[in-house]
C-alpha atoms as a PDB file:
ATOM      1  CA  UNK A   1     -73.351 -24.236 130.098  1.00  0.00           C
ATOM      2  CA  UNK A   2     -71.819 -21.230 128.307  1.00  0.00           C
ATOM      3  CA  UNK A   3     -72.963 -20.142 124.889  1.00  0.00           C
ATOM      4  CA  UNK A   4     -71.459 -21.468 121.725  1.00  0.00           C
ATOM      5  CA  UNK A   5     -69.584 -18.220 121.013  1.00  0.00           C
ATOM      6  CA  UNK A   6     -71.546 -17.371 117.893  1.00  0.00           C
ATOM      7  CA  UNK A   7     -70.033 -15.312 115.159  1.00  0.00           C
ATOM      8  CA  UNK A   8     -67.533 -17.935 113.953  1.00  0.00           C
ATOM      9  CA  UNK A   9     -64.510 -16.503 112.233  1.00  0.00           C
ATOM     10  CA  UNK A  10     -65.785 -12.951 112.792  1.00  0.00           C
ATOM     11  CA  UNK A  11     -66.093 -13.251 116.584  1.00  0.00           C
ATOM     12  CA  UNK A  12     -63.824 -10.904 118.472  1.00  0.00           C
ATOM     13  CA  UNK A  13     -62.873  -9.068 115.225  1.00  0.00           C
ATOM     14  CA  UNK A  14     -62.474  -5.351 115.406  1.00  0.00           C
ATOM     15  CA  UNK A  15     -64.348  -3.121 112.931  1.00  0.00           C
ATOM     16  CA  UNK A  16     -61.114  -2.372 111.095  1.00  0.00           C
ATOM     17  CA  UNK A  17     -60.280  -6.054 110.791  1.00  0.00           C
ATOM     18  CA  UNK A  18     -63.775  -6.753 109.432  1.00  0.00           C
ATOM     19  CA  UNK A  19     -63.340  -3.943 106.861  1.00  0.00           C
ATOM     20  CA  UNK A  20     -60.018  -5.527 105.772  1.00  0.00           C
ATOM     21  CA  UNK A  21     -61.682  -8.897 105.340  1.00  0.00           C
ATOM     22  CA  UNK A  22     -64.484  -7.417 103.210  1.00  0.00           C
ATOM     23  CA  UNK A  23     -62.006  -5.322 101.170  1.00  0.00           C
ATOM     24  CA  UNK A  24     -59.816  -8.357 100.422  1.00  0.00           C
ATOM     25  CA  UNK A  25     -62.847 -10.360  99.365  1.00  0.00           C
ATOM     26  CA  UNK A  26     -63.939  -7.546  97.039  1.00  0.00           C
ATOM     27  CA  UNK A  27     -60.375  -7.292  95.677  1.00  0.00           C
ATOM     28  CA  UNK A  28     -60.333 -11.005  94.863  1.00  0.00           C
ATOM     29  CA  UNK A  29     -63.652 -10.712  93.097  1.00  0.00           C
ATOM     30  CA  UNK A  30     -62.426  -7.721  91.104  1.00  0.00           C
ATOM     31  CA  UNK A  31     -59.186  -9.463  90.141  1.00  0.00           C
ATOM     32  CA  UNK A  32     -61.078 -12.601  89.103  1.00  0.00           C
ATOM     33  CA  UNK A  33     -63.494 -10.567  86.952  1.00  0.00           C
ATOM     34  CA  UNK A  34     -60.574  -8.728  85.281  1.00  0.00           C
ATOM     35  CA  UNK A  35     -58.743 -11.981  84.583  1.00  0.00           C
ATOM     36  CA  UNK A  36     -61.871 -13.417  83.016  1.00  0.00           C
ATOM     37  CA  UNK A  37     -62.390 -10.337  80.884  1.00  0.00           C
ATOM     38  CA  UNK A  38     -58.728 -10.251  79.802  1.00  0.00           C
ATOM     39  CA  UNK A  39     -58.817 -13.921  78.899  1.00  0.00           C
ATOM     40  CA  UNK A  40     -61.822 -13.157  76.710  1.00  0.00           C
ATOM     41  CA  UNK A  41     -60.049 -10.221  75.013  1.00  0.00           C
ATOM     42  CA  UNK A  42     -56.930 -12.309  74.211  1.00  0.00           C
ATOM     43  CA  UNK A  43     -59.066 -15.238  73.098  1.00  0.00           C
ATOM     44  CA  UNK A  44     -61.005 -12.998  70.682  1.00  0.00           C
ATOM     45  CA  UNK A  45     -57.748 -11.615  69.302  1.00  0.00           C
ATOM     46  CA  UNK A  46     -56.385 -15.097  68.695  1.00  0.00           C
ATOM     47  CA  UNK A  47     -59.651 -16.030  67.083  1.00  0.00           C
ATOM     48  CA  UNK A  48     -59.398 -13.069  64.736  1.00  0.00           C
ATOM     49  CA  UNK A  49     -55.760 -13.839  63.868  1.00  0.00           C
ATOM     50  CA  UNK A  50     -56.492 -17.505  63.296  1.00  0.00           C
ATOM     51  CA  UNK A  51     -59.480 -16.594  61.123  1.00  0.00           C
ATOM     52  CA  UNK A  52     -57.377 -14.435  58.787  1.00  0.00           C
ATOM     53  CA  UNK A  53     -57.286 -15.521  55.189  1.00  0.00           C
ATOM     54  CA  UNK A  54     -55.392 -18.796  55.600  1.00  0.00           C
ATOM     55  CA  UNK A  55     -56.816 -20.056  52.288  1.00  0.00           C
ATOM     56  CA  UNK A  56     -55.181 -17.116  50.469  1.00  0.00           C
ATOM     57  CA  UNK A  57     -51.892 -17.676  52.245  1.00  0.00           C
ATOM     58  CA  UNK A  58     -51.858 -21.335  51.137  1.00  0.00           C
ATOM     59  CA  UNK A  59     -52.886 -20.477  47.614  1.00  0.00           C
ATOM     60  CA  UNK A  60     -50.133 -17.906  47.300  1.00  0.00           C
ATOM     61  CA  UNK A  61     -47.506 -20.205  48.708  1.00  0.00           C
ATOM     62  CA  UNK A  62     -48.643 -22.901  46.258  1.00  0.00           C
ATOM     63  CA  UNK A  63     -48.351 -20.336  43.457  1.00  0.00           C
ATOM     64  CA  UNK A  64     -44.820 -19.448  44.543  1.00  0.00           C
ATOM     65  CA  UNK A  65     -43.912 -23.118  44.645  1.00  0.00           C
ATOM     66  CA  UNK A  66     -45.298 -23.734  41.171  1.00  0.00           C
ATOM     67  CA  UNK A  67     -43.466 -20.681  39.764  1.00  0.00           C
ATOM     68  CA  UNK A  68     -40.125 -21.801  41.112  1.00  0.00           C
ATOM     69  CA  UNK A  69     -40.633 -25.492  40.340  1.00  0.00           C
ATOM     70  CA  UNK A  70     -41.418 -24.705  36.702  1.00  0.00           C
ATOM     71  CA  UNK A  71     -38.422 -22.370  36.343  1.00  0.00           C
ATOM     72  CA  UNK A  72     -35.519 -23.832  38.310  1.00  0.00           C
ATOM     73  CA  UNK A  73     -33.905 -26.842  36.711  1.00  0.00           C
ATOM     74  CA  UNK A  74     -33.510 -29.522  39.333  1.00  0.00           C
ATOM     75  CA  UNK A  75     -35.762 -30.619  42.120  1.00  0.00           C
ATOM     76  CA  UNK A  76     -37.824 -28.224  44.193  1.00  0.00           C
ATOM     77  CA  UNK A  77     -38.892 -30.354  47.153  1.00  0.00           C
ATOM     78  CA  UNK A  78     -41.258 -28.412  49.360  1.00  0.00           C
ATOM     79  CA  UNK A  79     -41.962 -25.367  51.472  1.00  0.00           C
ATOM     80  CA  UNK A  80     -41.057 -26.316  54.996  1.00  0.00           C
ATOM     81  CA  UNK A  81     -40.406 -24.653  58.289  1.00  0.00           C
ATOM     82  CA  UNK A  82     -41.222 -21.038  58.718  1.00  0.00           C
ATOM     83  CA  UNK A  83     -44.059 -19.383  60.617  1.00  0.00           C
ATOM     84  CA  UNK A  84     -46.772 -21.022  58.484  1.00  0.00           C
ATOM     85  CA  UNK A  85     -45.703 -24.555  59.355  1.00  0.00           C
ATOM     86  CA  UNK A  86     -45.330 -23.592  63.029  1.00  0.00           C
ATOM     87  CA  UNK A  87     -48.707 -21.794  63.110  1.00  0.00           C
ATOM     88  CA  UNK A  88     -47.066 -18.668  64.548  1.00  0.00           C
ATOM     89  CA  UNK A  89     -47.671 -16.236  61.715  1.00  0.00           C
ATOM     90  CA  UNK A  90     -49.929 -13.196  62.022  1.00  0.00           C
ATOM     91  CA  UNK A  91     -51.004 -12.063  58.536  1.00  0.00           C
ATOM     92  CA  UNK A  92     -50.609  -8.350  58.022  1.00  0.00           C
ATOM     93  CA  UNK A  93     -48.934  -7.839  61.405  1.00  0.00           C
ATOM     94  CA  UNK A  94     -45.906 -10.086  61.299  1.00  0.00           C
ATOM     95  CA  UNK A  95     -43.985 -12.493  59.120  1.00  0.00           C
ATOM     96  CA  UNK A  96     -45.326 -15.163  56.815  1.00  0.00           C
ATOM     97  CA  UNK A  97     -42.221 -17.080  55.928  1.00  0.00           C
ATOM     98  CA  UNK A  98     -41.099 -20.405  54.577  1.00  0.00           C
ATOM     99  CA  UNK A  99     -37.864 -22.144  53.715  1.00  0.00           C
ATOM    100  CA  UNK A 100     -37.597 -23.052  50.061  1.00  0.00           C
ATOM    101  CA  UNK A 101     -35.613 -26.299  49.666  1.00  0.00           C
ATOM    102  CA  UNK A 102     -33.914 -26.242  46.285  1.00  0.00           C
ATOM    103  CA  UNK A 103     -31.729 -28.948  44.789  1.00  0.00           C
ATOM    104  CA  UNK A 104     -30.358 -27.552  41.545  1.00  0.00           C
ATOM    105  CA  UNK A 105     -26.927 -28.482  40.244  1.00  0.00           C
ATOM    106  CA  UNK A 106     -26.828 -25.210  38.329  1.00  0.00           C
ATOM    107  CA  UNK A 107     -26.830 -23.341  41.630  1.00  0.00           C
ATOM    108  CA  UNK A 108     -24.068 -25.437  43.158  1.00  0.00           C
ATOM    109  CA  UNK A 109     -21.200 -23.190  44.325  1.00  0.00           C
ATOM    110  CA  UNK A 110     -23.305 -20.029  43.922  1.00  0.00           C
ATOM    111  CA  UNK A 111     -23.400 -17.421  46.615  1.00  0.00           C
ATOM    112  CA  UNK A 112     -26.669 -16.709  48.505  1.00  0.00           C
ATOM    113  CA  UNK A 113     -26.967 -13.372  46.729  1.00  0.00           C
ATOM    114  CA  UNK A 114     -26.779 -15.100  43.348  1.00  0.00           C
ATOM    115  CA  UNK A 115     -29.462 -17.613  44.336  1.00  0.00           C
ATOM    116  CA  UNK A 116     -31.670 -14.837  45.800  1.00  0.00           C
ATOM    117  CA  UNK A 117     -31.272 -12.771  42.669  1.00  0.00           C
ATOM    118  CA  UNK A 118     -32.354 -15.679  40.481  1.00  0.00           C
ATOM    119  CA  UNK A 119     -35.344 -16.369  42.671  1.00  0.00           C
ATOM    120  CA  UNK A 120     -36.345 -12.720  42.555  1.00  0.00           C
ATOM    121  CA  UNK A 121     -36.045 -12.650  38.735  1.00  0.00           C
ATOM    122  CA  UNK A 122     -38.218 -15.769  38.369  1.00  0.00           C
ATOM    123  CA  UNK A 123     -40.905 -14.679  40.777  1.00  0.00           C
ATOM    124  CA  UNK A 124     -41.067 -11.124  39.441  1.00  0.00           C
ATOM    125  CA  UNK A 125     -41.594 -12.561  35.965  1.00  0.00           C
ATOM    126  CA  UNK A 126     -44.166 -15.172  37.006  1.00  0.00           C
ATOM    127  CA  UNK A 127     -46.191 -12.957  39.388  1.00  0.00           C
ATOM    128  CA  UNK A 128     -46.176  -9.877  37.181  1.00  0.00           C
ATOM    129  CA  UNK A 129     -48.357  -7.139  38.631  1.00  0.00           C
ATOM    130  CA  UNK A 130     -49.790  -9.433  41.315  1.00  0.00           C
ATOM    131  CA  UNK A 131     -47.010  -8.482  43.723  1.00  0.00           C
ATOM    132  CA  UNK A 132     -43.809  -6.515  44.166  1.00  0.00           C
ATOM    133  CA  UNK A 133     -40.765  -8.820  44.504  1.00  0.00           C
ATOM    134  CA  UNK A 134     -37.418  -7.905  45.976  1.00  0.00           C
ATOM    135  CA  UNK A 135     -34.527  -9.558  47.867  1.00  0.00           C
ATOM    136  CA  UNK A 136     -32.351  -8.626  50.760  1.00  0.00           C
ATOM    137  CA  UNK A 137     -29.495 -10.285  52.666  1.00  0.00           C
ATOM    138  CA  UNK A 138     -31.332 -13.466  53.526  1.00  0.00           C
ATOM    139  CA  UNK A 139     -34.690 -13.687  51.775  1.00  0.00           C
ATOM    140  CA  UNK A 140     -36.865 -12.867  48.824  1.00  0.00           C
ATOM    141  CA  UNK A 141     -39.793 -10.661  49.863  1.00  0.00           C
ATOM    142  CA  UNK A 142     -43.125 -10.767  48.017  1.00  0.00           C
ATOM    143  CA  UNK A 143     -45.458  -7.862  48.853  1.00  0.00           C
ATOM    144  CA  UNK A 144     -48.980  -8.422  47.584  1.00  0.00           C
ATOM    145  CA  UNK A 145     -50.090  -4.865  48.368  1.00  0.00           C
ATOM    146  CA  UNK A 146     -53.039  -5.952  50.519  1.00  0.00           C
ATOM    147  CA  UNK A 147     -51.130  -6.248  53.806  1.00  0.00           C
ATOM    148  CA  UNK A 148     -49.770  -9.759  53.088  1.00  0.00           C
ATOM    149  CA  UNK A 149     -46.009 -10.023  52.791  1.00  0.00           C
ATOM    150  CA  UNK A 150     -44.337 -13.443  52.274  1.00  0.00           C
ATOM    151  CA  UNK A 151     -40.590 -13.996  52.786  1.00  0.00           C
ATOM    152  CA  UNK A 152     -38.827 -16.968  51.272  1.00  0.00           C
ATOM    153  CA  UNK A 153     -35.464 -18.167  52.550  1.00  0.00           C
ATOM    154  CA  UNK A 154     -33.679 -20.410  50.031  1.00  0.00           C
ATOM    155  CA  UNK A 155     -32.281 -23.586  51.603  1.00  0.00           C
ATOM    156  CA  UNK A 156     -29.870 -26.024  50.027  1.00  0.00           C
ATOM    157  CA  UNK A 157     -29.180 -29.519  51.393  1.00  0.00           C
ATOM    158  CA  UNK A 158     -26.155 -30.116  53.641  1.00  0.00           C
ATOM    159  CA  UNK A 159     -24.891 -33.104  55.613  1.00  0.00           C
ATOM    160  CA  UNK A 160     -26.649 -34.880  58.466  1.00  0.00           C
ATOM    161  CA  UNK A 161     -30.109 -33.716  57.532  1.00  0.00           C
ATOM    162  CA  UNK A 162     -29.183 -30.067  57.917  1.00  0.00           C
ATOM    163  CA  UNK A 163     -29.639 -27.254  55.394  1.00  0.00           C
ATOM    164  CA  UNK A 164     -27.752 -24.159  54.432  1.00  0.00           C
ATOM    165  CA  UNK A 165     -29.481 -20.810  54.346  1.00  0.00           C
ATOM    166  CA  UNK A 166     -28.097 -17.325  53.645  1.00  0.00           C
ATOM    167  CA  UNK A 167     -26.119 -15.869  56.502  1.00  0.00           C
ATOM    168  CA  UNK A 168     -27.496 -12.697  58.106  1.00  0.00           C
ATOM    169  CA  UNK A 169     -24.128 -10.999  58.337  1.00  0.00           C
ATOM    170  CA  UNK A 170     -22.097 -12.004  55.285  1.00  0.00           C
ATOM    171  CA  UNK A 171     -22.527 -13.265  51.746  1.00  0.00           C
ATOM    172  CA  UNK A 172     -22.156 -16.903  52.731  1.00  0.00           C
ATOM    173  CA  UNK A 173     -24.197 -19.862  53.905  1.00  0.00           C
ATOM    174  CA  UNK A 174     -25.132 -20.812  57.468  1.00  0.00           C
ATOM    175  CA  UNK A 175     -26.177 -24.288  58.627  1.00  0.00           C
ATOM    176  CA  UNK A 176     -29.605 -24.826  60.238  1.00  0.00           C
ATOM    177  CA  UNK A 177     -31.829 -27.675  61.194  1.00  0.00           C
ATOM    178  CA  UNK A 178     -35.431 -26.518  60.706  1.00  0.00           C
ATOM    179  CA  UNK A 179     -36.885 -29.883  61.664  1.00  0.00           C
ATOM    180  CA  UNK A 180     -35.088 -29.857  65.019  1.00  0.00           C
ATOM    181  CA  UNK A 181     -36.151 -26.245  65.578  1.00  0.00           C
ATOM    182  CA  UNK A 182     -39.769 -27.057  64.941  1.00  0.00           C
ATOM    183  CA  UNK A 183     -39.537 -30.081  67.216  1.00  0.00           C
ATOM    184  CA  UNK A 184     -38.010 -27.916  69.967  1.00  0.00           C
ATOM    185  CA  UNK A 185     -40.880 -25.439  69.615  1.00  0.00           C
ATOM    186  CA  UNK A 186     -43.410 -28.270  69.688  1.00  0.00           C
ATOM    187  CA  UNK A 187     -41.885 -29.756  72.839  1.00  0.00           C
ATOM    188  CA  UNK A 188     -41.831 -26.457  74.647  1.00  0.00           C
ATOM    189  CA  UNK A 189     -45.422 -25.752  73.568  1.00  0.00           C
ATOM    190  CA  UNK A 190     -46.513 -29.117  74.983  1.00  0.00           C
ATOM    191  CA  UNK A 191     -44.642 -28.319  78.254  1.00  0.00           C
ATOM    192  CA  UNK A 192     -46.685 -25.124  78.460  1.00  0.00           C
ATOM    193  CA  UNK A 193     -50.046 -26.879  77.939  1.00  0.00           C
ATOM    194  CA  UNK A 194     -50.251 -25.687  74.339  1.00  0.00           C
ATOM    195  CA  UNK A 195     -50.087 -22.010  75.304  1.00  0.00           C
ATOM    196  CA  UNK A 196     -46.597 -21.129  73.962  1.00  0.00           C
ATOM    197  CA  UNK A 197     -47.553 -20.952  70.260  1.00  0.00           C
ATOM    198  CA  UNK A 198     -50.545 -18.662  70.900  1.00  0.00           C
ATOM    199  CA  UNK A 199     -48.403 -16.588  73.236  1.00  0.00           C
ATOM    200  CA  UNK A 200     -45.764 -16.144  70.451  1.00  0.00           C
ATOM    201  CA  UNK A 201     -48.513 -15.274  68.008  1.00  0.00           C
ATOM    202  CA  UNK A 202     -49.859 -12.546  70.286  1.00  0.00           C
ATOM    203  CA  UNK A 203     -46.316 -11.295  70.991  1.00  0.00           C
ATOM    204  CA  UNK A 204     -45.655 -11.025  67.237  1.00  0.00           C
ATOM    205  CA  UNK A 205     -48.898  -9.047  66.815  1.00  0.00           C
ATOM    206  CA  UNK A 206     -47.687  -6.574  69.511  1.00  0.00           C
ATOM    207  CA  UNK A 207     -44.232  -6.223  68.009  1.00  0.00           C
ATOM    208  CA  UNK A 208     -45.839  -5.900  64.587  1.00  0.00           C
ATOM    209  CA  UNK A 209     -47.212  -2.507  65.648  1.00  0.00           C
ATOM    210  CA  UNK A 210     -43.630  -1.118  65.701  1.00  0.00           C
ATOM    211  CA  UNK A 211     -41.838   0.442  62.735  1.00  0.00           C
ATOM    212  CA  UNK A 212     -40.115  -2.340  60.785  1.00  0.00           C
ATOM    213  CA  UNK A 213     -36.619  -1.174  61.845  1.00  0.00           C
ATOM    214  CA  UNK A 214     -37.517  -1.715  65.498  1.00  0.00           C
ATOM    215  CA  UNK A 215     -39.065  -5.188  65.209  1.00  0.00           C
ATOM    216  CA  UNK A 216     -37.512  -8.401  66.391  1.00  0.00           C
ATOM    217  CA  UNK A 217     -37.634 -10.956  63.569  1.00  0.00           C
ATOM    218  CA  UNK A 218     -40.170 -13.763  63.539  1.00  0.00           C
ATOM    219  CA  UNK A 219     -37.656 -16.590  63.874  1.00  0.00           C
ATOM    220  CA  UNK A 220     -35.943 -14.686  66.687  1.00  0.00           C
ATOM    221  CA  UNK A 221     -39.267 -14.268  68.537  1.00  0.00           C
ATOM    222  CA  UNK A 222     -39.825 -18.009  68.328  1.00  0.00           C
ATOM    223  CA  UNK A 223     -36.308 -18.737  69.587  1.00  0.00           C
ATOM    224  CA  UNK A 224     -36.776 -16.310  72.454  1.00  0.00           C
ATOM    225  CA  UNK A 225     -40.020 -18.087  73.278  1.00  0.00           C
ATOM    226  CA  UNK A 226     -38.325 -21.483  73.459  1.00  0.00           C
ATOM    227  CA  UNK A 227     -35.620 -20.079  75.732  1.00  0.00           C
ATOM    228  CA  UNK A 228     -37.918 -17.924  77.849  1.00  0.00           C
ATOM    229  CA  UNK A 229     -40.167 -20.806  78.912  1.00  0.00           C
ATOM    230  CA  UNK A 230     -37.560 -23.416  79.678  1.00  0.00           C
ATOM    231  CA  UNK A 231     -38.618 -24.997  83.032  1.00  0.00           C
ATOM    232  CA  UNK A 232     -41.530 -22.576  83.252  1.00  0.00           C
ATOM    233  CA  UNK A 233     -43.605 -23.159  86.394  1.00  0.00           C
ATOM    234  CA  UNK A 234     -45.992 -20.191  86.215  1.00  0.00           C
ATOM    235  CA  UNK A 235     -49.617 -20.068  85.158  1.00  0.00           C
ATOM    236  CA  UNK A 236     -50.078 -21.605  81.746  1.00  0.00           C
ATOM    237  CA  UNK A 237     -52.359 -18.972  80.283  1.00  0.00           C
ATOM    238  CA  UNK A 238     -51.664 -16.422  77.566  1.00  0.00           C
ATOM    239  CA  UNK A 239     -52.493 -13.589  79.971  1.00  0.00           C
ATOM    240  CA  UNK A 240     -49.769 -14.750  82.376  1.00  0.00           C
ATOM    241  CA  UNK A 241     -47.252 -15.882  79.738  1.00  0.00           C
ATOM    242  CA  UNK A 242     -47.300 -12.737  77.565  1.00  0.00           C
ATOM    243  CA  UNK A 243     -45.760 -10.409  80.140  1.00  0.00           C
ATOM    244  CA  UNK A 244     -43.395 -13.210  81.183  1.00  0.00           C
ATOM    245  CA  UNK A 245     -42.306 -13.576  77.553  1.00  0.00           C
ATOM    246  CA  UNK A 246     -41.407  -9.890  77.230  1.00  0.00           C
ATOM    247  CA  UNK A 247     -39.747  -9.741  80.656  1.00  0.00           C
ATOM    248  CA  UNK A 248     -37.475 -12.738  79.978  1.00  0.00           C
ATOM    249  CA  UNK A 249     -36.912 -11.798  76.315  1.00  0.00           C
ATOM    250  CA  UNK A 250     -35.641  -8.385  77.518  1.00  0.00           C
ATOM    251  CA  UNK A 251     -32.692 -10.178  79.126  1.00  0.00           C
ATOM    252  CA  UNK A 252     -32.294 -12.960  76.587  1.00  0.00           C
ATOM    253  CA  UNK A 253     -32.069 -10.625  73.590  1.00  0.00           C
ATOM    254  CA  UNK A 254     -28.850  -9.066  74.941  1.00  0.00           C
ATOM    255  CA  UNK A 255     -26.904 -12.204  73.966  1.00  0.00           C
ATOM    256  CA  UNK A 256     -26.888 -14.319  70.770  1.00  0.00           C
ATOM    257  CA  UNK A 257     -29.305 -17.213  70.988  1.00  0.00           C
ATOM    258  CA  UNK A 258     -27.469 -20.455  71.659  1.00  0.00           C
ATOM    259  CA  UNK A 259     -29.289 -23.777  71.259  1.00  0.00           C
ATOM    260  CA  UNK A 260     -28.812 -27.210  69.761  1.00  0.00           C
ATOM    261  CA  UNK A 261     -30.983 -26.654  66.647  1.00  0.00           C
ATOM    262  CA  UNK A 262     -28.484 -24.730  64.548  1.00  0.00           C
ATOM    263  CA  UNK A 263     -30.794 -21.718  64.385  1.00  0.00           C
ATOM    264  CA  UNK A 264     -28.306 -19.806  66.525  1.00  0.00           C
ATOM    265  CA  UNK A 265     -26.117 -19.425  63.451  1.00  0.00           C
ATOM    266  CA  UNK A 266     -28.448 -16.902  61.889  1.00  0.00           C
ATOM    267  CA  UNK A 267     -31.574 -16.309  63.861  1.00  0.00           C
ATOM    268  CA  UNK A 268     -30.438 -13.190  65.652  1.00  0.00           C
ATOM    269  CA  UNK A 269     -27.153 -12.336  63.963  1.00  0.00           C
ATOM    270  CA  UNK A 270     -28.808  -9.162  62.547  1.00  0.00           C
ATOM    271  CA  UNK A 271     -28.488  -7.637  66.056  1.00  0.00           C
ATOM    272  CA  UNK A 272     -24.744  -8.114  66.172  1.00  0.00           C
ATOM    273  CA  UNK A 273     -22.593  -9.314  69.122  1.00  0.00           C
ATOM    274  CA  UNK A 274     -23.635  -9.532  72.798  1.00  0.00           C
ATOM    275  CA  UNK A 275     -24.703  -6.178  74.333  1.00  0.00           C
ATOM    276  CA  UNK A 276     -24.468  -4.412  71.023  1.00  0.00           C
ATOM    277  CA  UNK A 277     -26.287  -1.114  70.593  1.00  0.00           C
ATOM    278  CA  UNK A 278     -28.940  -2.881  68.507  1.00  0.00           C
ATOM    279  CA  UNK A 279     -29.464  -5.539  71.223  1.00  0.00           C
ATOM    280  CA  UNK A 280     -29.765  -2.888  73.939  1.00  0.00           C
ATOM    281  CA  UNK A 281     -32.328  -1.058  71.837  1.00  0.00           C
ATOM    282  CA  UNK A 282     -34.325  -4.275  71.350  1.00  0.00           C
ATOM    283  CA  UNK A 283     -34.087  -5.025  75.064  1.00  0.00           C
ATOM    284  CA  UNK A 284     -35.483  -1.585  75.854  1.00  0.00           C
ATOM    285  CA  UNK A 285     -38.430  -2.048  73.525  1.00  0.00           C
ATOM    286  CA  UNK A 286     -39.265  -5.527  74.884  1.00  0.00           C
ATOM    287  CA  UNK A 287     -38.992  -4.320  78.460  1.00  0.00           C
ATOM    288  CA  UNK A 288     -41.304  -1.397  77.681  1.00  0.00           C
ATOM    289  CA  UNK A 289     -43.992  -3.792  76.484  1.00  0.00           C
ATOM    290  CA  UNK A 290     -43.617  -5.880  79.693  1.00  0.00           C
ATOM    291  CA  UNK A 291     -44.040  -2.777  81.839  1.00  0.00           C
ATOM    292  CA  UNK A 292     -47.140  -1.656  79.889  1.00  0.00           C
ATOM    293  CA  UNK A 293     -48.721  -5.086  80.439  1.00  0.00           C
ATOM    294  CA  UNK A 294     -47.982  -5.103  84.143  1.00  0.00           C
ATOM    295  CA  UNK A 295     -49.330  -1.566  84.472  1.00  0.00           C
ATOM    296  CA  UNK A 296     -52.474  -2.462  82.506  1.00  0.00           C
ATOM    297  CA  UNK A 297     -53.094  -5.467  84.783  1.00  0.00           C
ATOM    298  CA  UNK A 298     -52.421  -3.452  87.945  1.00  0.00           C
ATOM    299  CA  UNK A 299     -54.980  -0.858  86.702  1.00  0.00           C
ATOM    300  CA  UNK A 300     -57.449  -3.608  85.822  1.00  0.00           C
ATOM    301  CA  UNK A 301     -57.667  -2.083  82.318  1.00  0.00           C
ATOM    302  CA  UNK A 302     -58.397  -4.247  79.294  1.00  0.00           C
ATOM    303  CA  UNK A 303     -58.394  -1.007  77.253  1.00  0.00           C
ATOM    304  CA  UNK A 304     -54.691  -0.587  78.003  1.00  0.00           C
ATOM    305  CA  UNK A 305     -54.084  -4.186  77.012  1.00  0.00           C
ATOM    306  CA  UNK A 306     -55.938  -3.745  73.728  1.00  0.00           C
ATOM    307  CA  UNK A 307     -53.892  -0.618  73.007  1.00  0.00           C
ATOM    308  CA  UNK A 308     -50.816  -2.846  72.877  1.00  0.00           C
ATOM    309  CA  UNK A 309     -52.362  -4.458  69.791  1.00  0.00           C
ATOM    310  CA  UNK A 310     -53.277  -1.099  68.251  1.00  0.00           C
ATOM    311  CA  UNK A 311     -56.969  -1.525  69.144  1.00  0.00           C
ATOM    312  CA  UNK A 312     -59.573   0.600  70.885  1.00  0.00           C
ATOM    313  CA  UNK A 313     -61.854  -0.985  73.426  1.00  0.00           C
END
């Protein structure tokens, strides 16, 4: 006829054990509150980036298309690929880029630099004082002076549905398959419950705070994202995936990207061979961002997270 032993799970617990139970419960509540707040911060940032002037981006790309189509003899098919088509661009913080598919017999046999020079001449004439136009090794850059910069990579048709674009390391053409690349990104995004593309967009915004010479290119960031989340089994949230992206990218960037899309020909050639000085520098920068995120999370500080994006709380 003994008593029921009231007290349940707390019966026979020492005061120190009870304190530990209470502390762990409080810690879980604190962590959950921080995760909710961080999710809100990142969601608001994505909302702001997605709400940027998409209409102006489209209008300007349409204007570029019309200028080239009216001036280059031959067929100008479309603007395809690039960060706009993949929804990964961050206006004013990262790249807005597109491939320009040109089929012009007059350009047959011409070097990339000759094609880029012709595109620059046409666009500078057509755009006038609307924007500053220049070209580099791979692309024509259009700077509108209001924070929006568009880069155009000329592409010419090749065999088997592939295209040729300017090489990053020589005055020659490299083969790519932008459709396969976009499909690979789409598949990986679906595998990550639709969170890879927003994760890449946020990662680009963070890298966009760096001086231009220290930034990893937009296409490279996307390629690193595809590789970093292969067989990913972690939490499918941007808060969890962002530090994972930078941690894995820190290792991946040390070697040239190798995949089946053809992008490996040019996507990260600007960093040179494996373990080059430029790759080690990029690895250091990416690793530093990963550490800052982990430290911010450990401190429960959304202010430290926002500082990564150049924002005050």
